[in-house]
N, C-alpha and C. Protein backbone atom coordinates (compact mmCIF):
# COMPACT_ATOMS: atom_id res chain seq x y z
N MET A 1 12.48 -20.07 24.04
CA MET A 1 12.19 -21.32 23.39
C MET A 1 13.41 -22.22 23.54
N LYS A 2 13.20 -23.49 23.85
CA LYS A 2 14.29 -24.43 24.03
C LYS A 2 14.98 -24.69 22.69
N PRO A 3 16.32 -24.94 22.72
CA PRO A 3 17.05 -25.17 21.47
C PRO A 3 16.45 -26.28 20.61
N ASP A 4 16.01 -27.40 21.23
CA ASP A 4 15.43 -28.48 20.42
C ASP A 4 14.12 -28.05 19.78
N ARG A 5 13.35 -27.19 20.45
CA ARG A 5 12.10 -26.67 19.87
C ARG A 5 12.41 -25.73 18.72
N VAL A 6 13.48 -24.91 18.85
CA VAL A 6 13.88 -24.02 17.76
C VAL A 6 14.23 -24.84 16.53
N ASP A 7 14.99 -25.93 16.72
CA ASP A 7 15.35 -26.79 15.59
C ASP A 7 14.11 -27.38 14.94
N THR A 8 13.15 -27.83 15.74
CA THR A 8 11.91 -28.39 15.21
C THR A 8 11.15 -27.35 14.40
N VAL A 9 11.03 -26.14 14.94
CA VAL A 9 10.31 -25.07 14.24
C VAL A 9 11.02 -24.73 12.93
N LEU A 10 12.36 -24.63 12.97
CA LEU A 10 13.11 -24.32 11.75
C LEU A 10 12.93 -25.42 10.71
N GLN A 11 12.92 -26.69 11.14
CA GLN A 11 12.70 -27.78 10.20
C GLN A 11 11.31 -27.71 9.58
N GLU A 12 10.29 -27.42 10.42
CA GLU A 12 8.92 -27.29 9.90
C GLU A 12 8.85 -26.17 8.87
N TRP A 13 9.44 -25.02 9.20
CA TRP A 13 9.37 -23.88 8.29
C TRP A 13 10.18 -24.14 7.03
N SER A 14 11.28 -24.85 7.11
CA SER A 14 12.04 -25.19 5.90
C SER A 14 11.19 -26.05 4.98
N ALA A 15 10.51 -27.05 5.56
CA ALA A 15 9.63 -27.91 4.76
C ALA A 15 8.49 -27.10 4.16
N ILE A 16 7.92 -26.20 4.94
CA ILE A 16 6.84 -25.35 4.44
C ILE A 16 7.34 -24.46 3.32
N ALA A 17 8.53 -23.88 3.50
CA ALA A 17 9.09 -22.99 2.48
C ALA A 17 9.31 -23.75 1.17
N ARG A 18 9.78 -25.02 1.26
CA ARG A 18 9.97 -25.80 0.04
C ARG A 18 8.64 -26.02 -0.67
N ARG A 19 7.61 -26.39 0.11
CA ARG A 19 6.28 -26.60 -0.49
C ARG A 19 5.69 -25.29 -0.99
N ALA A 20 5.99 -24.21 -0.27
CA ALA A 20 5.38 -22.93 -0.57
C ALA A 20 5.93 -22.31 -1.85
N ARG A 21 7.03 -22.80 -2.34
CA ARG A 21 7.58 -22.25 -3.58
C ARG A 21 6.71 -22.58 -4.79
N ARG A 22 5.79 -23.52 -4.60
CA ARG A 22 4.86 -23.84 -5.67
C ARG A 22 3.88 -22.69 -5.83
N PRO A 23 3.52 -22.30 -7.06
CA PRO A 23 2.64 -21.15 -7.27
C PRO A 23 1.30 -21.24 -6.54
N GLU A 24 0.76 -22.44 -6.34
CA GLU A 24 -0.55 -22.56 -5.71
C GLU A 24 -0.50 -22.34 -4.20
N SER A 25 0.68 -22.21 -3.61
CA SER A 25 0.79 -22.08 -2.17
C SER A 25 1.79 -20.99 -1.80
N PRO A 26 1.37 -19.70 -1.76
CA PRO A 26 2.32 -18.64 -1.43
C PRO A 26 2.90 -18.82 -0.03
N PRO A 27 4.21 -18.55 0.16
CA PRO A 27 4.87 -18.83 1.43
C PRO A 27 4.29 -18.05 2.60
N TRP A 28 3.73 -16.89 2.36
CA TRP A 28 3.23 -16.11 3.48
C TRP A 28 1.89 -16.63 3.98
N ARG A 29 1.31 -17.60 3.34
CA ARG A 29 0.07 -18.20 3.81
C ARG A 29 0.32 -19.58 4.42
N ALA A 30 1.55 -20.02 4.39
CA ALA A 30 1.88 -21.33 4.95
C ALA A 30 1.76 -21.30 6.46
N THR A 31 1.34 -22.42 7.03
CA THR A 31 1.21 -22.50 8.49
C THR A 31 1.97 -23.72 8.99
N PRO A 32 2.48 -23.67 10.22
CA PRO A 32 3.19 -24.82 10.76
C PRO A 32 2.29 -26.05 10.84
N ALA A 33 2.92 -27.23 10.80
CA ALA A 33 2.17 -28.48 10.82
C ALA A 33 1.28 -28.58 12.05
N ALA A 34 1.76 -28.13 13.21
CA ALA A 34 0.96 -28.21 14.44
C ALA A 34 -0.34 -27.43 14.29
N SER A 35 -0.27 -26.28 13.62
CA SER A 35 -1.48 -25.48 13.42
C SER A 35 -2.44 -26.21 12.48
N ARG A 36 -1.89 -26.85 11.44
CA ARG A 36 -2.76 -27.57 10.51
C ARG A 36 -3.43 -28.76 11.19
N ARG A 37 -2.81 -29.30 12.25
CA ARG A 37 -3.42 -30.41 12.97
C ARG A 37 -4.50 -29.93 13.92
N GLY A 38 -4.75 -28.62 13.98
CA GLY A 38 -5.82 -28.11 14.83
C GLY A 38 -5.35 -27.60 16.17
N ARG A 39 -4.06 -27.74 16.48
CA ARG A 39 -3.54 -27.21 17.74
C ARG A 39 -3.17 -25.76 17.53
N SER A 40 -3.58 -24.91 18.46
CA SER A 40 -3.22 -23.51 18.38
C SER A 40 -1.74 -23.36 18.66
N VAL A 41 -1.06 -22.58 17.84
CA VAL A 41 0.37 -22.39 17.98
C VAL A 41 0.61 -20.92 18.32
N SER A 42 1.40 -20.67 19.37
CA SER A 42 1.70 -19.29 19.72
C SER A 42 2.53 -18.66 18.63
N PHE A 43 2.52 -17.33 18.57
CA PHE A 43 3.26 -16.64 17.53
C PHE A 43 4.75 -16.94 17.65
N GLU A 44 5.25 -17.02 18.89
CA GLU A 44 6.66 -17.30 19.07
C GLU A 44 7.01 -18.68 18.53
N GLU A 45 6.12 -19.66 18.72
CA GLU A 45 6.38 -21.00 18.20
C GLU A 45 6.35 -21.01 16.68
N SER A 46 5.48 -20.22 16.07
CA SER A 46 5.32 -20.29 14.62
C SER A 46 6.35 -19.48 13.87
N SER A 47 7.08 -18.63 14.54
CA SER A 47 8.08 -17.80 13.88
C SER A 47 9.35 -18.59 13.65
N ALA A 48 9.86 -18.53 12.44
CA ALA A 48 11.08 -19.27 12.13
C ALA A 48 12.32 -18.55 12.64
N LEU A 49 12.20 -17.33 13.07
CA LEU A 49 13.28 -16.55 13.64
C LEU A 49 14.42 -16.28 12.67
N ARG A 50 14.17 -16.38 11.38
CA ARG A 50 15.16 -15.97 10.39
C ARG A 50 14.78 -14.56 9.98
N ILE A 51 15.54 -13.59 10.45
CA ILE A 51 15.11 -12.21 10.46
C ILE A 51 16.13 -11.34 9.73
N THR A 52 15.66 -10.26 9.12
CA THR A 52 16.58 -9.29 8.56
C THR A 52 16.82 -8.16 9.56
N THR A 53 15.75 -7.49 10.02
CA THR A 53 15.90 -6.39 10.96
C THR A 53 14.81 -6.45 12.00
N LEU A 54 15.20 -6.35 13.27
CA LEU A 54 14.25 -6.29 14.37
C LEU A 54 14.18 -4.87 14.88
N PRO A 55 13.07 -4.49 15.53
CA PRO A 55 13.05 -3.18 16.16
C PRO A 55 14.25 -3.08 17.11
N GLY A 56 14.87 -1.93 17.13
CA GLY A 56 16.03 -1.74 17.96
C GLY A 56 17.34 -2.01 17.22
N GLY A 57 17.24 -2.44 15.95
CA GLY A 57 18.44 -2.59 15.13
C GLY A 57 19.10 -3.95 15.15
N ALA A 58 18.58 -4.93 15.89
CA ALA A 58 19.18 -6.27 15.90
C ALA A 58 19.10 -6.85 14.50
N ARG A 59 20.16 -7.56 14.09
CA ARG A 59 20.19 -8.10 12.73
C ARG A 59 20.48 -9.61 12.77
N ALA A 60 19.96 -10.28 11.76
CA ALA A 60 20.21 -11.70 11.59
C ALA A 60 20.26 -11.98 10.10
N PRO A 61 20.42 -13.22 9.67
CA PRO A 61 20.52 -13.50 8.24
C PRO A 61 19.35 -12.95 7.45
N SER A 62 19.64 -12.44 6.26
CA SER A 62 18.58 -11.88 5.41
C SER A 62 18.26 -12.85 4.29
N GLY A 63 17.46 -12.37 3.32
CA GLY A 63 17.11 -13.19 2.19
C GLY A 63 15.83 -13.98 2.40
N GLN A 64 15.14 -13.80 3.52
CA GLN A 64 13.93 -14.55 3.78
C GLN A 64 12.69 -13.83 3.26
N GLY A 65 12.81 -12.58 2.89
CA GLY A 65 11.71 -11.86 2.29
C GLY A 65 10.81 -11.19 3.31
N PRO A 66 9.97 -10.30 2.80
CA PRO A 66 9.10 -9.51 3.67
C PRO A 66 8.24 -10.32 4.64
N PRO A 67 7.60 -11.42 4.23
CA PRO A 67 6.74 -12.11 5.21
C PRO A 67 7.46 -12.52 6.49
N LEU A 68 8.64 -13.11 6.38
CA LEU A 68 9.35 -13.52 7.58
C LEU A 68 9.89 -12.32 8.35
N GLU A 69 10.31 -11.29 7.63
CA GLU A 69 10.80 -10.07 8.30
C GLU A 69 9.66 -9.42 9.09
N ILE A 70 8.48 -9.38 8.51
CA ILE A 70 7.32 -8.79 9.19
C ILE A 70 6.91 -9.66 10.38
N ARG A 71 6.93 -10.98 10.20
CA ARG A 71 6.63 -11.88 11.34
C ARG A 71 7.62 -11.64 12.48
N ALA A 72 8.87 -11.37 12.14
CA ALA A 72 9.88 -11.12 13.17
C ALA A 72 9.56 -9.85 13.95
N VAL A 73 9.13 -8.81 13.26
CA VAL A 73 8.74 -7.57 13.94
C VAL A 73 7.57 -7.84 14.88
N MET A 74 6.58 -8.58 14.40
CA MET A 74 5.41 -8.88 15.23
C MET A 74 5.77 -9.79 16.40
N SER A 75 6.69 -10.72 16.18
CA SER A 75 7.14 -11.58 17.27
C SER A 75 7.84 -10.75 18.34
N ALA A 76 8.67 -9.80 17.92
CA ALA A 76 9.35 -8.91 18.87
C ALA A 76 8.33 -8.06 19.62
N GLN A 77 7.27 -7.63 18.93
CA GLN A 77 6.22 -6.86 19.60
C GLN A 77 5.54 -7.69 20.68
N ALA A 78 5.16 -8.92 20.33
CA ALA A 78 4.48 -9.79 21.31
C ALA A 78 5.38 -10.06 22.50
N ALA A 79 6.66 -10.30 22.25
CA ALA A 79 7.60 -10.57 23.34
C ALA A 79 7.72 -9.35 24.25
N ALA A 80 7.81 -8.16 23.66
CA ALA A 80 7.90 -6.94 24.46
C ALA A 80 6.63 -6.75 25.30
N TRP A 81 5.48 -6.93 24.67
CA TRP A 81 4.21 -6.80 25.38
C TRP A 81 4.16 -7.75 26.58
N ASN A 82 4.55 -8.98 26.34
CA ASN A 82 4.46 -10.00 27.38
C ASN A 82 5.48 -9.81 28.51
N ARG A 83 6.45 -8.94 28.31
CA ARG A 83 7.36 -8.52 29.38
C ARG A 83 6.87 -7.25 30.06
N GLY A 84 5.76 -6.67 29.56
CA GLY A 84 5.25 -5.43 30.13
C GLY A 84 5.94 -4.20 29.57
N ASP A 85 6.55 -4.31 28.40
CA ASP A 85 7.36 -3.25 27.79
C ASP A 85 6.61 -2.59 26.63
N ILE A 86 5.77 -1.61 26.94
CA ILE A 86 4.99 -0.95 25.89
C ILE A 86 5.91 -0.21 24.93
N ASP A 87 6.99 0.42 25.43
CA ASP A 87 7.91 1.10 24.53
C ASP A 87 8.55 0.12 23.55
N GLY A 88 8.91 -1.07 24.01
CA GLY A 88 9.44 -2.10 23.12
C GLY A 88 8.40 -2.53 22.10
N PHE A 89 7.15 -2.68 22.54
CA PHE A 89 6.05 -3.01 21.64
C PHE A 89 5.91 -1.94 20.57
N MET A 90 6.02 -0.69 20.97
CA MET A 90 5.86 0.43 20.04
C MET A 90 6.99 0.53 19.02
N ASN A 91 8.11 -0.16 19.25
CA ASN A 91 9.19 -0.16 18.26
C ASN A 91 8.75 -0.77 16.94
N GLY A 92 7.65 -1.52 16.93
CA GLY A 92 7.13 -2.08 15.70
C GLY A 92 6.39 -1.08 14.83
N TYR A 93 6.10 0.09 15.38
CA TYR A 93 5.41 1.15 14.64
C TYR A 93 6.41 2.16 14.09
N ALA A 94 6.07 2.78 12.97
CA ALA A 94 6.89 3.86 12.42
C ALA A 94 6.83 5.05 13.37
N ARG A 95 7.97 5.58 13.74
CA ARG A 95 8.04 6.76 14.62
C ARG A 95 7.81 8.00 13.76
N SER A 96 6.53 8.22 13.49
CA SER A 96 6.16 9.29 12.57
C SER A 96 4.85 9.93 13.00
N ARG A 97 4.69 11.19 12.66
CA ARG A 97 3.41 11.86 12.91
C ARG A 97 2.32 11.33 11.98
N SER A 98 2.71 10.64 10.92
CA SER A 98 1.71 10.12 9.98
C SER A 98 1.26 8.69 10.32
N THR A 99 1.82 8.06 11.36
CA THR A 99 1.36 6.74 11.78
C THR A 99 -0.10 6.85 12.23
N ILE A 100 -0.92 5.90 11.80
CA ILE A 100 -2.37 5.94 12.09
C ILE A 100 -2.77 4.67 12.83
N PHE A 101 -3.61 4.85 13.87
CA PHE A 101 -4.17 3.75 14.63
C PHE A 101 -5.67 3.97 14.72
N VAL A 102 -6.46 3.00 14.25
CA VAL A 102 -7.92 3.10 14.27
C VAL A 102 -8.46 2.01 15.18
N SER A 103 -9.26 2.40 16.18
CA SER A 103 -9.88 1.46 17.10
C SER A 103 -10.93 2.20 17.91
N GLU A 104 -11.93 1.47 18.40
CA GLU A 104 -12.96 2.04 19.26
C GLU A 104 -13.60 3.29 18.65
N ASP A 105 -13.86 3.27 17.36
CA ASP A 105 -14.50 4.38 16.66
C ASP A 105 -13.69 5.67 16.74
N ALA A 106 -12.38 5.55 16.88
CA ALA A 106 -11.51 6.73 16.94
C ALA A 106 -10.30 6.53 16.03
N VAL A 107 -9.84 7.62 15.45
CA VAL A 107 -8.63 7.62 14.64
C VAL A 107 -7.58 8.41 15.41
N ARG A 108 -6.45 7.76 15.66
CA ARG A 108 -5.34 8.43 16.36
C ARG A 108 -4.19 8.56 15.39
N ARG A 109 -3.62 9.75 15.34
CA ARG A 109 -2.54 10.02 14.40
C ARG A 109 -1.26 10.36 15.14
N GLY A 110 -0.19 9.75 14.70
CA GLY A 110 1.12 10.02 15.26
C GLY A 110 1.58 8.96 16.25
N TRP A 111 2.87 8.60 16.16
CA TRP A 111 3.44 7.57 17.02
C TRP A 111 3.26 7.91 18.49
N GLU A 112 3.52 9.15 18.88
CA GLU A 112 3.39 9.56 20.28
C GLU A 112 1.94 9.40 20.78
N THR A 113 0.98 9.74 19.94
CA THR A 113 -0.43 9.62 20.31
C THR A 113 -0.81 8.15 20.51
N VAL A 114 -0.35 7.29 19.61
CA VAL A 114 -0.63 5.86 19.72
C VAL A 114 0.02 5.30 20.99
N ARG A 115 1.25 5.68 21.25
CA ARG A 115 1.95 5.24 22.46
C ARG A 115 1.20 5.69 23.71
N ALA A 116 0.75 6.94 23.73
CA ALA A 116 0.01 7.45 24.90
C ALA A 116 -1.28 6.66 25.11
N ARG A 117 -1.96 6.29 24.03
CA ARG A 117 -3.18 5.49 24.13
C ARG A 117 -2.89 4.13 24.77
N TYR A 118 -1.83 3.46 24.31
CA TYR A 118 -1.47 2.17 24.89
C TYR A 118 -1.09 2.32 26.37
N LYS A 119 -0.30 3.33 26.69
CA LYS A 119 0.13 3.52 28.09
C LYS A 119 -1.07 3.79 29.00
N LYS A 120 -2.06 4.52 28.51
CA LYS A 120 -3.24 4.83 29.32
C LYS A 120 -4.14 3.60 29.47
N LYS A 121 -4.42 2.93 28.35
CA LYS A 121 -5.36 1.80 28.37
C LYS A 121 -4.77 0.58 29.07
N TYR A 122 -3.46 0.39 28.97
CA TYR A 122 -2.80 -0.77 29.55
C TYR A 122 -1.76 -0.30 30.57
N SER A 123 -2.25 0.32 31.63
CA SER A 123 -1.38 1.00 32.61
C SER A 123 -0.69 0.06 33.59
N ASP A 124 -1.05 -1.22 33.62
CA ASP A 124 -0.35 -2.16 34.50
C ASP A 124 -0.35 -3.55 33.87
N ARG A 125 0.46 -4.44 34.41
CA ARG A 125 0.61 -5.79 33.84
C ARG A 125 -0.70 -6.55 33.81
N GLY A 126 -1.55 -6.37 34.82
CA GLY A 126 -2.84 -7.05 34.84
C GLY A 126 -3.70 -6.69 33.64
N LYS A 127 -3.68 -5.43 33.25
CA LYS A 127 -4.46 -4.99 32.08
C LYS A 127 -3.83 -5.46 30.78
N MET A 128 -2.51 -5.63 30.78
CA MET A 128 -1.82 -6.06 29.56
C MET A 128 -2.04 -7.54 29.27
N GLY A 129 -1.96 -8.37 30.30
CA GLY A 129 -2.10 -9.81 30.08
C GLY A 129 -1.00 -10.35 29.18
N GLN A 130 -1.28 -11.49 28.55
CA GLN A 130 -0.35 -12.12 27.62
C GLN A 130 -0.93 -12.03 26.22
N LEU A 131 -0.17 -11.46 25.30
CA LEU A 131 -0.61 -11.22 23.93
C LEU A 131 -0.17 -12.34 23.01
N THR A 132 -1.09 -12.79 22.14
CA THR A 132 -0.72 -13.70 21.06
C THR A 132 -1.33 -13.17 19.77
N PHE A 133 -0.62 -13.37 18.68
CA PHE A 133 -1.12 -13.10 17.33
C PHE A 133 -1.32 -14.45 16.65
N SER A 134 -2.32 -14.55 15.79
CA SER A 134 -2.53 -15.80 15.06
C SER A 134 -3.20 -15.51 13.72
N ASP A 135 -3.33 -16.55 12.91
CA ASP A 135 -4.00 -16.49 11.61
C ASP A 135 -3.47 -15.35 10.74
N LEU A 136 -2.16 -15.18 10.73
CA LEU A 136 -1.57 -14.09 9.97
C LEU A 136 -1.61 -14.38 8.47
N GLU A 137 -2.07 -13.41 7.71
CA GLU A 137 -2.02 -13.43 6.25
C GLU A 137 -1.24 -12.20 5.83
N ILE A 138 -0.05 -12.40 5.28
CA ILE A 138 0.81 -11.30 4.88
C ILE A 138 0.81 -11.23 3.37
N THR A 139 0.38 -10.10 2.85
CA THR A 139 0.29 -9.91 1.41
C THR A 139 1.18 -8.74 0.98
N PRO A 140 2.32 -9.03 0.35
CA PRO A 140 3.15 -7.94 -0.15
C PRO A 140 2.41 -7.19 -1.26
N LEU A 141 2.42 -5.86 -1.18
CA LEU A 141 1.80 -5.03 -2.21
C LEU A 141 2.85 -4.48 -3.18
N SER A 142 4.06 -4.31 -2.68
CA SER A 142 5.19 -3.85 -3.48
C SER A 142 6.45 -4.28 -2.74
N SER A 143 7.59 -3.84 -3.22
CA SER A 143 8.84 -4.24 -2.56
C SER A 143 9.00 -3.60 -1.19
N ASP A 144 8.23 -2.54 -0.90
CA ASP A 144 8.38 -1.87 0.39
C ASP A 144 7.07 -1.68 1.16
N THR A 145 6.01 -2.39 0.76
CA THR A 145 4.72 -2.26 1.43
C THR A 145 4.02 -3.62 1.48
N ALA A 146 3.38 -3.90 2.62
CA ALA A 146 2.64 -5.16 2.77
C ALA A 146 1.44 -4.93 3.68
N VAL A 147 0.40 -5.72 3.48
CA VAL A 147 -0.78 -5.71 4.33
C VAL A 147 -0.78 -7.00 5.13
N VAL A 148 -1.11 -6.88 6.42
CA VAL A 148 -1.18 -8.04 7.30
C VAL A 148 -2.58 -8.10 7.91
N LEU A 149 -3.23 -9.22 7.76
CA LEU A 149 -4.52 -9.49 8.38
C LEU A 149 -4.29 -10.56 9.43
N GLY A 150 -4.88 -10.40 10.60
CA GLY A 150 -4.68 -11.41 11.62
C GLY A 150 -5.61 -11.26 12.81
N ARG A 151 -5.39 -12.11 13.80
CA ARG A 151 -6.14 -12.10 15.06
C ARG A 151 -5.19 -11.76 16.20
N TRP A 152 -5.74 -11.12 17.23
CA TRP A 152 -5.00 -10.88 18.47
C TRP A 152 -5.83 -11.43 19.62
N LYS A 153 -5.13 -11.82 20.68
CA LYS A 153 -5.82 -12.28 21.88
C LYS A 153 -4.99 -11.91 23.09
N LEU A 154 -5.66 -11.41 24.14
CA LEU A 154 -5.02 -11.16 25.42
C LEU A 154 -5.56 -12.18 26.41
N LYS A 155 -4.66 -12.82 27.12
CA LYS A 155 -5.06 -13.74 28.19
C LYS A 155 -4.81 -13.00 29.50
N ARG A 156 -5.91 -12.67 30.19
CA ARG A 156 -5.81 -11.96 31.47
C ARG A 156 -6.50 -12.78 32.54
N ALA A 157 -6.31 -12.38 33.78
CA ALA A 157 -6.87 -13.14 34.91
C ALA A 157 -8.38 -13.26 34.83
N GLN A 158 -9.08 -12.20 34.48
CA GLN A 158 -10.54 -12.18 34.51
C GLN A 158 -11.22 -12.31 33.14
N ASP A 159 -10.48 -12.10 32.07
CA ASP A 159 -11.11 -12.15 30.75
C ASP A 159 -10.07 -12.47 29.68
N TRP A 160 -10.56 -12.72 28.48
CA TRP A 160 -9.73 -13.06 27.33
C TRP A 160 -10.17 -12.23 26.13
N PRO A 161 -9.96 -10.91 26.15
CA PRO A 161 -10.38 -10.12 24.99
C PRO A 161 -9.62 -10.56 23.74
N HIS A 162 -10.28 -10.42 22.61
CA HIS A 162 -9.69 -10.84 21.35
C HIS A 162 -10.33 -10.08 20.21
N GLY A 163 -9.74 -10.16 19.04
CA GLY A 163 -10.30 -9.48 17.89
C GLY A 163 -9.42 -9.67 16.66
N ARG A 164 -9.62 -8.77 15.71
CA ARG A 164 -8.93 -8.82 14.42
C ARG A 164 -8.17 -7.52 14.19
N PHE A 165 -7.20 -7.59 13.29
CA PHE A 165 -6.49 -6.38 12.90
C PHE A 165 -6.10 -6.45 11.44
N THR A 166 -5.95 -5.28 10.86
CA THR A 166 -5.36 -5.10 9.54
C THR A 166 -4.24 -4.08 9.70
N LEU A 167 -3.05 -4.46 9.30
CA LEU A 167 -1.89 -3.59 9.44
C LEU A 167 -1.31 -3.30 8.06
N ILE A 168 -0.83 -2.09 7.87
CA ILE A 168 -0.03 -1.78 6.69
C ILE A 168 1.39 -1.57 7.18
N PHE A 169 2.28 -2.40 6.65
CA PHE A 169 3.71 -2.29 6.97
C PHE A 169 4.40 -1.62 5.80
N ARG A 170 5.39 -0.82 6.13
CA ARG A 170 6.24 -0.21 5.10
C ARG A 170 7.70 -0.46 5.49
N ARG A 171 8.51 -0.77 4.47
CA ARG A 171 9.94 -0.95 4.72
C ARG A 171 10.58 0.43 4.79
N LEU A 172 11.12 0.75 5.95
CA LEU A 172 11.77 2.03 6.21
C LEU A 172 13.27 1.79 6.39
N PRO A 173 14.09 2.82 6.48
CA PRO A 173 15.53 2.59 6.68
C PRO A 173 15.83 1.72 7.91
N GLU A 174 15.00 1.82 8.96
CA GLU A 174 15.22 1.02 10.17
C GLU A 174 14.59 -0.36 10.08
N GLY A 175 13.95 -0.70 8.98
CA GLY A 175 13.32 -2.01 8.80
C GLY A 175 11.81 -1.88 8.59
N TRP A 176 11.11 -3.01 8.58
CA TRP A 176 9.66 -3.00 8.39
C TRP A 176 8.98 -2.44 9.63
N ARG A 177 8.05 -1.50 9.42
CA ARG A 177 7.32 -0.88 10.53
C ARG A 177 5.86 -0.69 10.14
N ILE A 178 4.99 -0.70 11.15
CA ILE A 178 3.55 -0.48 10.95
C ILE A 178 3.34 1.02 10.75
N VAL A 179 2.66 1.36 9.65
CA VAL A 179 2.32 2.77 9.41
C VAL A 179 0.82 3.01 9.57
N HIS A 180 0.04 1.92 9.54
CA HIS A 180 -1.42 2.02 9.69
C HIS A 180 -1.92 0.76 10.38
N ASP A 181 -2.69 0.93 11.46
CA ASP A 181 -3.20 -0.19 12.26
C ASP A 181 -4.68 0.03 12.47
N HIS A 182 -5.48 -0.90 12.00
CA HIS A 182 -6.93 -0.87 12.26
C HIS A 182 -7.25 -2.13 13.04
N THR A 183 -7.54 -1.97 14.33
CA THR A 183 -7.76 -3.08 15.24
C THR A 183 -9.17 -3.02 15.81
N SER A 184 -9.83 -4.16 15.83
CA SER A 184 -11.17 -4.22 16.41
C SER A 184 -11.23 -5.35 17.44
N ALA A 185 -12.08 -5.15 18.43
CA ALA A 185 -12.30 -6.17 19.47
C ALA A 185 -13.60 -6.89 19.16
N ALA A 186 -13.60 -8.20 19.36
CA ALA A 186 -14.82 -9.00 19.17
C ALA A 186 -15.75 -8.74 20.35
N LYS A 187 -17.04 -8.86 20.10
CA LYS A 187 -18.00 -8.77 21.19
C LYS A 187 -17.88 -10.00 22.04
N GLU A 188 -17.94 -9.80 23.34
CA GLU A 188 -17.75 -10.92 24.27
C GLU A 188 -18.85 -11.92 24.18
């Protein structure tokens, strides 16, 4: 993202955060002005990039709360996916045997199993396409758990698969990570 675009996004999010402090408008439901005008905004554009912990241990200023920290994890996932880096994408998941992924009428348990599924299903860049997340609703359930509802879309040469997801994030020592992912694809 260009430096001037980063400044614009940060200014938009600062204004949103000020408005969002009002009880009738929780900050995790705020959307950038461009999105409210009806223009689709990529996840990278909508992320304020004020992060506490990213997968891989990168750190930035804290104090922004779970919604922005979770958005940062998801932004890092989308960036990794769009570079063709499934292992980088998987850094957003808890590296645990108890991690759960539900899709295609199947329940997969364990980080390694989920990783193997992604590697098999998306074995080359053409199958991976370009990933975007949108319409994120982040609802903190406690100080260390949150639910995320949203949309995903892949832009590929021959098709544009898309759908919805519900994620459960938990704050772990390494930062916020997905412990449960239920993803569905829309019918074409």
